[in-house]
């Protein structure tokens, strides 16, 4: 897990370049271990964007074959205060304890 802001928004990188199968495994893990329910599932070309609610905000689990799998606020660079706060809570949840080594790709 790596926290970065190089794209203009906070983002937790869960896995670097990998196959899309790893995205689906990651989504299942988030469903079962953190209780996330995905909504608004989109696929554009080879990229996948699945939104989910966490706290008072909306986040995105995204997959890009060239960059890997990451989680970020749904508003990306235009995220609301609520989305940013929810994202911080999500990243803290994944960064500590049993979630610290989420994915190894």
PDB file of N, CA and C in Angstrom:
ATOM      1  N   UNK A   1       0.830  -1.182   0.000  1.00  0.00           N
ATOM      2  CA  UNK A   1       0.000   0.000   0.000  1.00  0.00           C
ATOM      3  C   UNK A   1       0.870   1.238   0.000  1.00  0.00           C
ATOM      4  N   UNK A   2       0.564   2.156  -0.921  1.00  0.00           N
ATOM      5  CA  UNK A   2       1.313   3.404  -1.002  1.00  0.00           C
ATOM      6  C   UNK A   2       0.330   4.553  -1.157  1.00  0.00           C
ATOM      7  N   UNK A   3       0.472   5.577  -0.330  1.00  0.00           N
ATOM      8  CA  UNK A   3      -0.344   6.778  -0.462  1.00  0.00           C
ATOM      9  C   UNK A   3       0.402   7.753  -1.356  1.00  0.00           C
ATOM     10  N   UNK A   4      -0.292   8.277  -2.375  1.00  0.00           N
ATOM     11  CA  UNK A   4       0.336   9.245  -3.268  1.00  0.00           C
ATOM     12  C   UNK A   4      -0.666  10.325  -3.662  1.00  0.00           C
ATOM     13  N   UNK A   5      -0.132  11.437  -4.156  1.00  0.00           N
ATOM     14  CA  UNK A   5      -0.964  12.550  -4.628  1.00  0.00           C
ATOM     15  C   UNK A   5      -0.509  13.045  -5.992  1.00  0.00           C
ATOM     16  N   UNK A   6       0.295  12.264  -6.698  1.00  0.00           N
ATOM     17  CA  UNK A   6       0.882  12.729  -7.955  1.00  0.00           C
ATOM     18  C   UNK A   6      -0.137  12.996  -9.054  1.00  0.00           C
ATOM     19  N   UNK A   7      -1.347  12.476  -8.940  1.00  0.00           N
ATOM     20  CA  UNK A   7      -2.384  12.716  -9.939  1.00  0.00           C
ATOM     21  C   UNK A   7      -3.287  13.898  -9.589  1.00  0.00           C
ATOM     22  N   UNK A   8      -2.948  14.603  -8.513  1.00  0.00           N
ATOM     23  CA  UNK A   8      -3.730  15.767  -8.113  1.00  0.00           C
ATOM     24  C   UNK A   8      -4.816  15.460  -7.102  1.00  0.00           C
ATOM     25  N   UNK A   9      -4.826  14.255  -6.570  1.00  0.00           N
ATOM     26  CA  UNK A   9      -5.793  13.856  -5.548  1.00  0.00           C
ATOM     27  C   UNK A   9      -5.158  12.744  -4.726  1.00  0.00           C
ATOM     28  N   UNK A  10      -5.629  12.557  -3.483  1.00  0.00           N
ATOM     29  CA  UNK A  10      -5.062  11.486  -2.663  1.00  0.00           C
ATOM     30  C   UNK A  10      -5.495  10.130  -3.214  1.00  0.00           C
ATOM     31  N   UNK A  11      -4.573   9.197  -3.175  1.00  0.00           N
ATOM     32  CA  UNK A  11      -4.834   7.884  -3.755  1.00  0.00           C
ATOM     33  C   UNK A  11      -3.988   6.847  -3.028  1.00  0.00           C
ATOM     34  N   UNK A  12      -4.597   5.717  -2.689  1.00  0.00           N
ATOM     35  CA  UNK A  12      -3.871   4.608  -2.098  1.00  0.00           C
ATOM     36  C   UNK A  12      -3.676   3.569  -3.189  1.00  0.00           C
ATOM     37  N   UNK A  13      -2.426   3.315  -3.532  1.00  0.00           N
ATOM     38  CA  UNK A  13      -2.103   2.306  -4.541  1.00  0.00           C
ATOM     39  C   UNK A  13      -2.014   0.963  -3.825  1.00  0.00           C
ATOM     40  N   UNK A  14      -2.859   0.038  -4.245  1.00  0.00           N
ATOM     41  CA  UNK A  14      -2.918  -1.274  -3.613  1.00  0.00           C
ATOM     42  C   UNK A  14      -2.046  -2.295  -4.338  1.00  0.00           C
ATOM     43  N   UNK A  15      -1.897  -2.134  -5.639  1.00  0.00           N
ATOM     44  CA  UNK A  15      -1.074  -3.055  -6.429  1.00  0.00           C
ATOM     45  C   UNK A  15      -0.595  -2.321  -7.666  1.00  0.00           C
ATOM     46  N   UNK A  16       0.663  -2.550  -8.019  1.00  0.00           N
ATOM     47  CA  UNK A  16       1.188  -1.950  -9.247  1.00  0.00           C
ATOM     48  C   UNK A  16       0.689  -2.770 -10.433  1.00  0.00           C
ATOM     49  N   UNK A  17       1.258  -2.567 -11.588  1.00  0.00           N
ATOM     50  CA  UNK A  17       0.796  -3.237 -12.799  1.00  0.00           C
ATOM     51  C   UNK A  17       0.466  -4.702 -12.536  1.00  0.00           C
ATOM     52  N   UNK A  18      -0.750  -5.090 -12.921  1.00  0.00           N
ATOM     53  CA  UNK A  18      -1.191  -6.458 -12.699  1.00  0.00           C
ATOM     54  C   UNK A  18      -2.364  -6.758 -13.632  1.00  0.00           C
ATOM     55  N   UNK A  19      -2.809  -7.978 -13.612  1.00  0.00           N
ATOM     56  CA  UNK A  19      -3.941  -8.404 -14.443  1.00  0.00           C
ATOM     57  C   UNK A  19      -5.253  -7.962 -13.804  1.00  0.00           C
ATOM     58  N   UNK A  20      -6.293  -7.860 -14.618  1.00  0.00           N
ATOM     59  CA  UNK A  20      -7.601  -7.442 -14.111  1.00  0.00           C
ATOM     60  C   UNK A  20      -8.154  -8.438 -13.098  1.00  0.00           C
ATOM     61  N   UNK A  21      -7.738  -9.698 -13.158  1.00  0.00           N
ATOM     62  CA  UNK A  21      -8.204 -10.684 -12.183  1.00  0.00           C
ATOM     63  C   UNK A  21      -7.864 -10.249 -10.760  1.00  0.00           C
ATOM     64  N   UNK A  22      -6.725  -9.578 -10.593  1.00  0.00           N
ATOM     65  CA  UNK A  22      -6.328  -9.088  -9.271  1.00  0.00           C
ATOM     66  C   UNK A  22      -7.275  -8.003  -8.793  1.00  0.00           C
ATOM     67  N   UNK A  23      -7.813  -7.199  -9.724  1.00  0.00           N
ATOM     68  CA  UNK A  23      -8.813  -6.190  -9.358  1.00  0.00           C
ATOM     69  C   UNK A  23     -10.024  -6.861  -8.722  1.00  0.00           C
ATOM     70  N   UNK A  24     -10.534  -7.907  -9.348  1.00  0.00           N
ATOM     71  CA  UNK A  24     -11.722  -8.592  -8.839  1.00  0.00           C
ATOM     72  C   UNK A  24     -11.449  -9.283  -7.504  1.00  0.00           C
ATOM     73  N   UNK A  25     -10.244  -9.820  -7.332  1.00  0.00           N
ATOM     74  CA  UNK A  25      -9.859 -10.410  -6.052  1.00  0.00           C
ATOM     75  C   UNK A  25      -9.818  -9.337  -4.967  1.00  0.00           C
ATOM     76  N   UNK A  26      -9.274  -8.175  -5.316  1.00  0.00           N
ATOM     77  CA  UNK A  26      -9.210  -7.048  -4.377  1.00  0.00           C
ATOM     78  C   UNK A  26     -10.614  -6.579  -4.002  1.00  0.00           C
ATOM     79  N   UNK A  27     -11.498  -6.465  -4.982  1.00  0.00           N
ATOM     80  CA  UNK A  27     -12.884  -6.052  -4.716  1.00  0.00           C
ATOM     81  C   UNK A  27     -13.566  -7.038  -3.778  1.00  0.00           C
ATOM     82  N   UNK A  28     -13.359  -8.338  -4.005  1.00  0.00           N
ATOM     83  CA  UNK A  28     -13.941  -9.352  -3.114  1.00  0.00           C
ATOM     84  C   UNK A  28     -13.395  -9.211  -1.704  1.00  0.00           C
ATOM     85  N   UNK A  29     -12.085  -8.972  -1.598  1.00  0.00           N
ATOM     86  CA  UNK A  29     -11.480  -8.798  -0.279  1.00  0.00           C
ATOM     87  C   UNK A  29     -12.111  -7.610   0.444  1.00  0.00           C
ATOM     88  N   UNK A  30     -12.243  -6.471  -0.251  1.00  0.00           N
ATOM     89  CA  UNK A  30     -12.836  -5.279   0.356  1.00  0.00           C
ATOM     90  C   UNK A  30     -14.284  -5.542   0.786  1.00  0.00           C
ATOM     91  N   UNK A  31     -15.015  -6.308  -0.015  1.00  0.00           N
ATOM     92  CA  UNK A  31     -16.401  -6.667   0.327  1.00  0.00           C
ATOM     93  C   UNK A  31     -16.450  -7.473   1.617  1.00  0.00           C
ATOM     94  N   UNK A  32     -15.617  -8.504   1.687  1.00  0.00           N
ATOM     95  CA  UNK A  32     -15.683  -9.434   2.815  1.00  0.00           C
ATOM     96  C   UNK A  32     -15.012  -8.917   4.074  1.00  0.00           C
ATOM     97  N   UNK A  33     -13.881  -8.259   3.945  1.00  0.00           N
ATOM     98  CA  UNK A  33     -13.110  -7.852   5.120  1.00  0.00           C
ATOM     99  C   UNK A  33     -13.490  -6.483   5.682  1.00  0.00           C
ATOM    100  N   UNK A  34     -13.893  -5.557   4.819  1.00  0.00           N
ATOM    101  CA  UNK A  34     -14.220  -4.211   5.291  1.00  0.00           C
ATOM    102  C   UNK A  34     -15.721  -3.929   5.177  1.00  0.00           C
ATOM    103  N   UNK A  35     -16.444  -4.782   4.462  1.00  0.00           N
ATOM    104  CA  UNK A  35     -17.893  -4.624   4.350  1.00  0.00           C
ATOM    105  C   UNK A  35     -18.331  -3.617   3.307  1.00  0.00           C
ATOM    106  N   UNK A  36     -17.508  -3.408   2.304  1.00  0.00           N
ATOM    107  CA  UNK A  36     -17.827  -2.439   1.257  1.00  0.00           C
ATOM    108  C   UNK A  36     -18.820  -3.045   0.267  1.00  0.00           C
ATOM    109  N   UNK A  37     -19.799  -2.255  -0.133  1.00  0.00           N
ATOM    110  CA  UNK A  37     -20.751  -2.646  -1.183  1.00  0.00           C
ATOM    111  C   UNK A  37     -20.530  -1.719  -2.362  1.00  0.00           C
ATOM    112  N   UNK A  38     -20.242  -2.294  -3.492  1.00  0.00           N
ATOM    113  CA  UNK A  38     -19.964  -1.496  -4.683  1.00  0.00           C
ATOM    114  C   UNK A  38     -21.240  -1.126  -5.418  1.00  0.00           C
ATOM    115  N   UNK A  39     -21.229   0.057  -5.995  1.00  0.00           N
ATOM    116  CA  UNK A  39     -22.338   0.546  -6.803  1.00  0.00           C
ATOM    117  C   UNK A  39     -21.721   1.250  -8.009  1.00  0.00           C
ATOM    118  N   UNK A  40     -22.507   1.573  -8.962  1.00  0.00           N
ATOM    119  CA  UNK A  40     -22.024   2.366 -10.098  1.00  0.00           C
ATOM    120  C   UNK A  40     -20.747   1.774 -10.695  1.00  0.00           C
ATOM    121  N   UNK A  41     -20.824   0.534 -11.137  1.00  0.00           N
ATOM    122  CA  UNK A  41     -19.661  -0.159 -11.707  1.00  0.00           C
ATOM    123  C   UNK A  41     -19.519   0.229 -13.173  1.00  0.00           C
ATOM    124  N   UNK A  42     -18.348   0.738 -13.534  1.00  0.00           N
ATOM    125  CA  UNK A  42     -18.099   1.174 -14.910  1.00  0.00           C
ATOM    126  C   UNK A  42     -16.829   0.535 -15.445  1.00  0.00           C
ATOM    127  N   UNK A  43     -16.846   0.271 -16.750  1.00  0.00           N
ATOM    128  CA  UNK A  43     -15.649  -0.220 -17.430  1.00  0.00           C
ATOM    129  C   UNK A  43     -15.524   0.568 -18.720  1.00  0.00           C
ATOM    130  N   UNK A  44     -14.360   1.201 -18.900  1.00  0.00           N
ATOM    131  CA  UNK A  44     -14.083   1.988 -20.102  1.00  0.00           C
ATOM    132  C   UNK A  44     -12.778   1.486 -20.685  1.00  0.00           C
ATOM    133  N   UNK A  45     -12.845   0.940 -21.898  1.00  0.00           N
ATOM    134  CA  UNK A  45     -11.681   0.313 -22.514  1.00  0.00           C
ATOM    135  C   UNK A  45     -11.144  -0.747 -21.555  1.00  0.00           C
ATOM    136  N   UNK A  46      -9.912  -0.640 -21.124  1.00  0.00           N
ATOM    137  CA  UNK A  46      -9.329  -1.609 -20.190  1.00  0.00           C
ATOM    138  C   UNK A  46      -9.366  -1.132 -18.743  1.00  0.00           C
ATOM    139  N   UNK A  47      -9.969   0.032 -18.492  1.00  0.00           N
ATOM    140  CA  UNK A  47      -9.996   0.601 -17.144  1.00  0.00           C
ATOM    141  C   UNK A  47     -11.327   0.276 -16.470  1.00  0.00           C
ATOM    142  N   UNK A  48     -11.268   0.052 -15.149  1.00  0.00           N
ATOM    143  CA  UNK A  48     -12.457  -0.297 -14.374  1.00  0.00           C
ATOM    144  C   UNK A  48     -12.570   0.691 -13.219  1.00  0.00           C
ATOM    145  N   UNK A  49     -13.787   1.202 -13.003  1.00  0.00           N
ATOM    146  CA  UNK A  49     -14.079   2.124 -11.894  1.00  0.00           C
ATOM    147  C   UNK A  49     -15.311   1.618 -11.153  1.00  0.00           C
ATOM    148  N   UNK A  50     -15.151   1.263  -9.887  1.00  0.00           N
ATOM    149  CA  UNK A  50     -16.279   0.840  -9.061  1.00  0.00           C
ATOM    150  C   UNK A  50     -16.377   1.791  -7.876  1.00  0.00           C
ATOM    151  N   UNK A  51     -17.512   2.442  -7.745  1.00  0.00           N
ATOM    152  CA  UNK A  51     -17.725   3.365  -6.629  1.00  0.00           C
ATOM    153  C   UNK A  51     -18.299   2.618  -5.429  1.00  0.00           C
ATOM    154  N   UNK A  52     -18.032   3.182  -4.248  1.00  0.00           N
ATOM    155  CA  UNK A  52     -18.610   2.640  -3.022  1.00  0.00           C
ATOM    156  C   UNK A  52     -18.689   3.749  -1.977  1.00  0.00           C
ATOM    157  N   UNK A  53     -19.627   3.582  -1.066  1.00  0.00           N
ATOM    158  CA  UNK A  53     -19.779   4.527   0.038  1.00  0.00           C
ATOM    159  C   UNK A  53     -18.903   4.071   1.190  1.00  0.00           C
ATOM    160  N   UNK A  54     -18.244   5.043   1.813  1.00  0.00           N
ATOM    161  CA  UNK A  54     -17.481   4.774   3.020  1.00  0.00           C
ATOM    162  C   UNK A  54     -17.624   6.000   3.901  1.00  0.00           C
ATOM    163  N   UNK A  55     -18.148   5.819   5.093  1.00  0.00           N
ATOM    164  CA  UNK A  55     -18.441   6.969   5.945  1.00  0.00           C
ATOM    165  C   UNK A  55     -19.461   7.855   5.262  1.00  0.00           C
ATOM    166  N   UNK A  56     -19.169   9.142   5.183  1.00  0.00           N
ATOM    167  CA  UNK A  56     -20.104  10.091   4.560  1.00  0.00           C
ATOM    168  C   UNK A  56     -19.714  10.440   3.126  1.00  0.00           C
ATOM    169  N   UNK A  57     -18.771   9.719   2.573  1.00  0.00           N
ATOM    170  CA  UNK A  57     -18.307  10.046   1.227  1.00  0.00           C
ATOM    171  C   UNK A  57     -18.380   8.870   0.270  1.00  0.00           C
ATOM    172  N   UNK A  58     -18.008   9.139  -0.946  1.00  0.00           N
ATOM    173  CA  UNK A  58     -17.971   8.115  -1.988  1.00  0.00           C
ATOM    174  C   UNK A  58     -16.529   7.985  -2.463  1.00  0.00           C
ATOM    175  N   UNK A  59     -16.079   6.752  -2.568  1.00  0.00           N
ATOM    176  CA  UNK A  59     -14.725   6.468  -3.035  1.00  0.00           C
ATOM    177  C   UNK A  59     -14.807   5.585  -4.281  1.00  0.00           C
ATOM    178  N   UNK A  60     -13.663   5.388  -4.922  1.00  0.00           N
ATOM    179  CA  UNK A  60     -13.582   4.585  -6.137  1.00  0.00           C
ATOM    180  C   UNK A  60     -12.450   3.579  -6.006  1.00  0.00           C
ATOM    181  N   UNK A  61     -12.753   2.341  -6.340  1.00  0.00           N
ATOM    182  CA  UNK A  61     -11.725   1.334  -6.543  1.00  0.00           C
ATOM    183  C   UNK A  61     -11.500   1.330  -8.042  1.00  0.00           C
ATOM    184  N   UNK A  62     -10.278   1.617  -8.467  1.00  0.00           N
ATOM    185  CA  UNK A  62     -10.038   1.733  -9.906  1.00  0.00           C
ATOM    186  C   UNK A  62      -8.893   0.832 -10.350  1.00  0.00           C
ATOM    187  N   UNK A  63      -8.993   0.421 -11.601  1.00  0.00           N
ATOM    188  CA  UNK A  63      -7.974  -0.429 -12.202  1.00  0.00           C
ATOM    189  C   UNK A  63      -7.569   0.145 -13.547  1.00  0.00           C
ATOM    190  N   UNK A  64      -6.275   0.266 -13.731  1.00  0.00           N
ATOM    191  CA  UNK A  64      -5.694   0.674 -15.003  1.00  0.00           C
ATOM    192  C   UNK A  64      -4.538  -0.292 -15.230  1.00  0.00           C
ATOM    193  N   UNK A  65      -4.533  -1.027 -16.352  1.00  0.00           N
ATOM    194  CA  UNK A  65      -3.479  -2.016 -16.554  1.00  0.00           C
ATOM    195  C   UNK A  65      -2.063  -1.434 -16.495  1.00  0.00           C
ATOM    196  N   UNK A  66      -1.904  -0.174 -16.833  1.00  0.00           N
ATOM    197  CA  UNK A  66      -0.563   0.417 -16.834  1.00  0.00           C
ATOM    198  C   UNK A  66      -0.113   0.910 -15.461  1.00  0.00           C
ATOM    199  N   UNK A  67      -1.063   1.190 -14.551  1.00  0.00           N
ATOM    200  CA  UNK A  67      -0.687   1.697 -13.229  1.00  0.00           C
ATOM    201  C   UNK A  67      -1.101   0.783 -12.087  1.00  0.00           C
ATOM    202  N   UNK A  68      -2.071  -0.086 -12.295  1.00  0.00           N
ATOM    203  CA  UNK A  68      -2.486  -1.026 -11.263  1.00  0.00           C
ATOM    204  C   UNK A  68      -3.825  -0.692 -10.622  1.00  0.00           C
ATOM    205  N   UNK A  69      -3.944  -1.062  -9.363  1.00  0.00           N
ATOM    206  CA  UNK A  69      -5.196  -0.932  -8.609  1.00  0.00           C
ATOM    207  C   UNK A  69      -5.007   0.116  -7.522  1.00  0.00           C
ATOM    208  N   UNK A  70      -5.986   1.011  -7.408  1.00  0.00           N
ATOM    209  CA  UNK A  70      -5.909   2.027  -6.359  1.00  0.00           C
ATOM    210  C   UNK A  70      -7.308   2.399  -5.879  1.00  0.00           C
ATOM    211  N   UNK A  71      -7.328   3.085  -4.755  1.00  0.00           N
ATOM    212  CA  UNK A  71      -8.557   3.611  -4.162  1.00  0.00           C
ATOM    213  C   UNK A  71      -8.367   5.111  -4.015  1.00  0.00           C
ATOM    214  N   UNK A  72      -9.398   5.889  -4.363  1.00  0.00           N
ATOM    215  CA  UNK A  72      -9.320   7.347  -4.247  1.00  0.00           C
ATOM    216  C   UNK A  72     -10.725   7.910  -4.056  1.00  0.00           C
ATOM    217  N   UNK A  73     -10.828   9.190  -3.688  1.00  0.00           N
ATOM    218  CA  UNK A  73     -12.145   9.811  -3.586  1.00  0.00           C
ATOM    219  C   UNK A  73     -12.829   9.821  -4.955  1.00  0.00           C
ATOM    220  N   UNK A  74     -14.138   9.652  -4.980  1.00  0.00           N
ATOM    221  CA  UNK A  74     -14.885   9.606  -6.241  1.00  0.00           C
ATOM    222  C   UNK A  74     -14.783  10.904  -7.026  1.00  0.00           C
ATOM    223  N   UNK A  75     -14.604  12.009  -6.343  1.00  0.00           N
ATOM    224  CA  UNK A  75     -14.492  13.297  -7.019  1.00  0.00           C
ATOM    225  C   UNK A  75     -13.100  13.571  -7.550  1.00  0.00           C
ATOM    226  N   UNK A  76     -12.190  12.610  -7.356  1.00  0.00           N
ATOM    227  CA  UNK A  76     -10.792  12.762  -7.765  1.00  0.00           C
ATOM    228  C   UNK A  76     -10.263  14.118  -7.289  1.00  0.00           C
ATOM    229  N   UNK A  77      -9.803  14.994  -8.159  1.00  0.00           N
ATOM    230  CA  UNK A  77      -9.258  16.292  -7.771  1.00  0.00           C
ATOM    231  C   UNK A  77     -10.306  17.279  -7.295  1.00  0.00           C
ATOM    232  N   UNK A  78     -11.574  16.989  -7.551  1.00  0.00           N
ATOM    233  CA  UNK A  78     -12.663  17.871  -7.132  1.00  0.00           C
ATOM    234  C   UNK A  78     -13.464  17.272  -5.981  1.00  0.00           C
ATOM    235  N   UNK A  79     -12.835  16.404  -5.210  1.00  0.00           N
ATOM    236  CA  UNK A  79     -13.511  15.744  -4.093  1.00  0.00           C
ATOM    237  C   UNK A  79     -14.017  16.766  -3.080  1.00  0.00           C
ATOM    238  N   UNK A  80     -15.189  16.479  -2.538  1.00  0.00           N
ATOM    239  CA  UNK A  80     -15.771  17.336  -1.504  1.00  0.00           C
ATOM    240  C   UNK A  80     -15.043  17.117  -0.180  1.00  0.00           C
ATOM    241  N   UNK A  81     -15.289  17.980   0.764  1.00  0.00           N
ATOM    242  CA  UNK A  81     -14.709  17.837   2.101  1.00  0.00           C
ATOM    243  C   UNK A  81     -15.130  16.503   2.706  1.00  0.00           C
ATOM    244  N   UNK A  82     -16.389  16.116   2.506  1.00  0.00           N
ATOM    245  CA  UNK A  82     -16.897  14.849   3.034  1.00  0.00           C
ATOM    246  C   UNK A  82     -16.175  13.669   2.400  1.00  0.00           C
ATOM    247  N   UNK A  83     -15.970  13.730   1.085  1.00  0.00           N
ATOM    248  CA  UNK A  83     -15.264  12.645   0.396  1.00  0.00           C
ATOM    249  C   UNK A  83     -13.820  12.537   0.880  1.00  0.00           C
ATOM    250  N   UNK A  84     -13.172  13.676   1.061  1.00  0.00           N
ATOM    251  CA  UNK A  84     -11.786  13.659   1.542  1.00  0.00           C
ATOM    252  C   UNK A  84     -11.698  13.092   2.956  1.00  0.00           C
ATOM    253  N   UNK A  85     -12.633  13.464   3.818  1.00  0.00           N
ATOM    254  CA  UNK A  85     -12.637  12.953   5.190  1.00  0.00           C
ATOM    255  C   UNK A  85     -12.919  11.447   5.202  1.00  0.00           C
ATOM    256  N   UNK A  86     -13.873  11.013   4.389  1.00  0.00           N
ATOM    257  CA  UNK A  86     -14.191   9.587   4.304  1.00  0.00           C
ATOM    258  C   UNK A  86     -13.005   8.813   3.740  1.00  0.00           C
ATOM    259  N   UNK A  87     -12.332   9.398   2.749  1.00  0.00           N
ATOM    260  CA  UNK A  87     -11.165   8.739   2.168  1.00  0.00           C
ATOM    261  C   UNK A  87     -10.054   8.598   3.200  1.00  0.00           C
ATOM    262  N   UNK A  88      -9.839   9.621   4.006  1.00  0.00           N
ATOM    263  CA  UNK A  88      -8.825   9.546   5.059  1.00  0.00           C
ATOM    264  C   UNK A  88      -9.167   8.438   6.038  1.00  0.00           C
ATOM    265  N   UNK A  89     -10.441   8.334   6.419  1.00  0.00           N
ATOM    266  CA  UNK A  89     -10.876   7.288   7.328  1.00  0.00           C
ATOM    267  C   UNK A  89     -10.647   5.903   6.685  1.00  0.00           C
ATOM    268  N   UNK A  90     -10.949   5.770   5.388  1.00  0.00           N
ATOM    269  CA  UNK A  90     -10.732   4.513   4.682  1.00  0.00           C
ATOM    270  C   UNK A  90      -9.252   4.172   4.614  1.00  0.00           C
ATOM    271  N   UNK A  91      -8.426   5.149   4.251  1.00  0.00           N
ATOM    272  CA  UNK A  91      -6.989   4.873   4.145  1.00  0.00           C
ATOM    273  C   UNK A  91      -6.404   4.530   5.512  1.00  0.00           C
ATOM    274  N   UNK A  92      -6.882   5.180   6.572  1.00  0.00           N
ATOM    275  CA  UNK A  92      -6.429   4.839   7.922  1.00  0.00           C
ATOM    276  C   UNK A  92      -6.852   3.416   8.279  1.00  0.00           C
ATOM    277  N   UNK A  93      -8.059   3.039   7.899  1.00  0.00           N
ATOM    278  CA  UNK A  93      -8.562   1.694   8.168  1.00  0.00           C
ATOM    279  C   UNK A  93      -7.691   0.648   7.484  1.00  0.00           C
ATOM    280  N   UNK A  94      -7.312   0.919   6.234  1.00  0.00           N
ATOM    281  CA  UNK A  94      -6.496  -0.039   5.488  1.00  0.00           C
ATOM    282  C   UNK A  94      -5.030  -0.012   5.918  1.00  0.00           C
ATOM    283  N   UNK A  95      -4.544   1.085   6.460  1.00  0.00           N
ATOM    284  CA  UNK A  95      -3.121   1.236   6.778  1.00  0.00           C
ATOM    285  C   UNK A  95      -2.715   0.605   8.104  1.00  0.00           C
ATOM    286  N   UNK A  96      -3.663   0.399   9.009  1.00  0.00           N
ATOM    287  CA  UNK A  96      -3.320  -0.082  10.339  1.00  0.00           C
ATOM    288  C   UNK A  96      -3.856  -1.474  10.580  1.00  0.00           C
ATOM    289  N   UNK A  97      -3.191  -2.183  11.443  1.00  0.00           N
ATOM    290  CA  UNK A  97      -3.649  -3.496  11.873  1.00  0.00           C
ATOM    291  C   UNK A  97      -3.634  -4.529  10.767  1.00  0.00           C
ATOM    292  N   UNK A  98      -4.666  -5.333  10.735  1.00  0.00           N
ATOM    293  CA  UNK A  98      -4.711  -6.483   9.835  1.00  0.00           C
ATOM    294  C   UNK A  98      -4.813  -6.097   8.366  1.00  0.00           C
ATOM    295  N   UNK A  99      -5.120  -4.849   8.055  1.00  0.00           N
ATOM    296  CA  UNK A  99      -5.261  -4.425   6.668  1.00  0.00           C
ATOM    297  C   UNK A  99      -3.966  -3.850   6.088  1.00  0.00           C
ATOM    298  N   UNK A 100      -2.918  -3.781   6.861  1.00  0.00           N
ATOM    299  CA  UNK A 100      -1.687  -3.099   6.425  1.00  0.00           C
ATOM    300  C   UNK A 100      -1.045  -3.750   5.206  1.00  0.00           C
ATOM    301  N   UNK A 101      -1.153  -5.037   5.052  1.00  0.00           N
ATOM    302  CA  UNK A 101      -0.551  -5.733   3.910  1.00  0.00           C
ATOM    303  C   UNK A 101      -1.637  -6.243   2.986  1.00  0.00           C
ATOM    304  N   UNK A 102      -2.476  -5.344   2.552  1.00  0.00           N
ATOM    305  CA  UNK A 102      -3.682  -5.679   1.796  1.00  0.00           C
ATOM    306  C   UNK A 102      -3.422  -6.538   0.576  1.00  0.00           C
ATOM    307  N   UNK A 103      -2.607  -6.076  -0.344  1.00  0.00           N
ATOM    308  CA  UNK A 103      -2.434  -6.786  -1.606  1.00  0.00           C
ATOM    309  C   UNK A 103      -0.955  -6.926  -1.930  1.00  0.00           C
ATOM    310  N   UNK A 104      -0.586  -8.072  -2.377  1.00  0.00           N
ATOM    311  CA  UNK A 104       0.758  -8.276  -2.926  1.00  0.00           C
ATOM    312  C   UNK A 104       0.560  -8.802  -4.328  1.00  0.00           C
ATOM    313  N   UNK A 105       1.020  -8.035  -5.312  1.00  0.00           N
ATOM    314  CA  UNK A 105       0.809  -8.399  -6.701  1.00  0.00           C
ATOM    315  C   UNK A 105       2.113  -8.806  -7.332  1.00  0.00           C
TER     316      UNK A 105
END
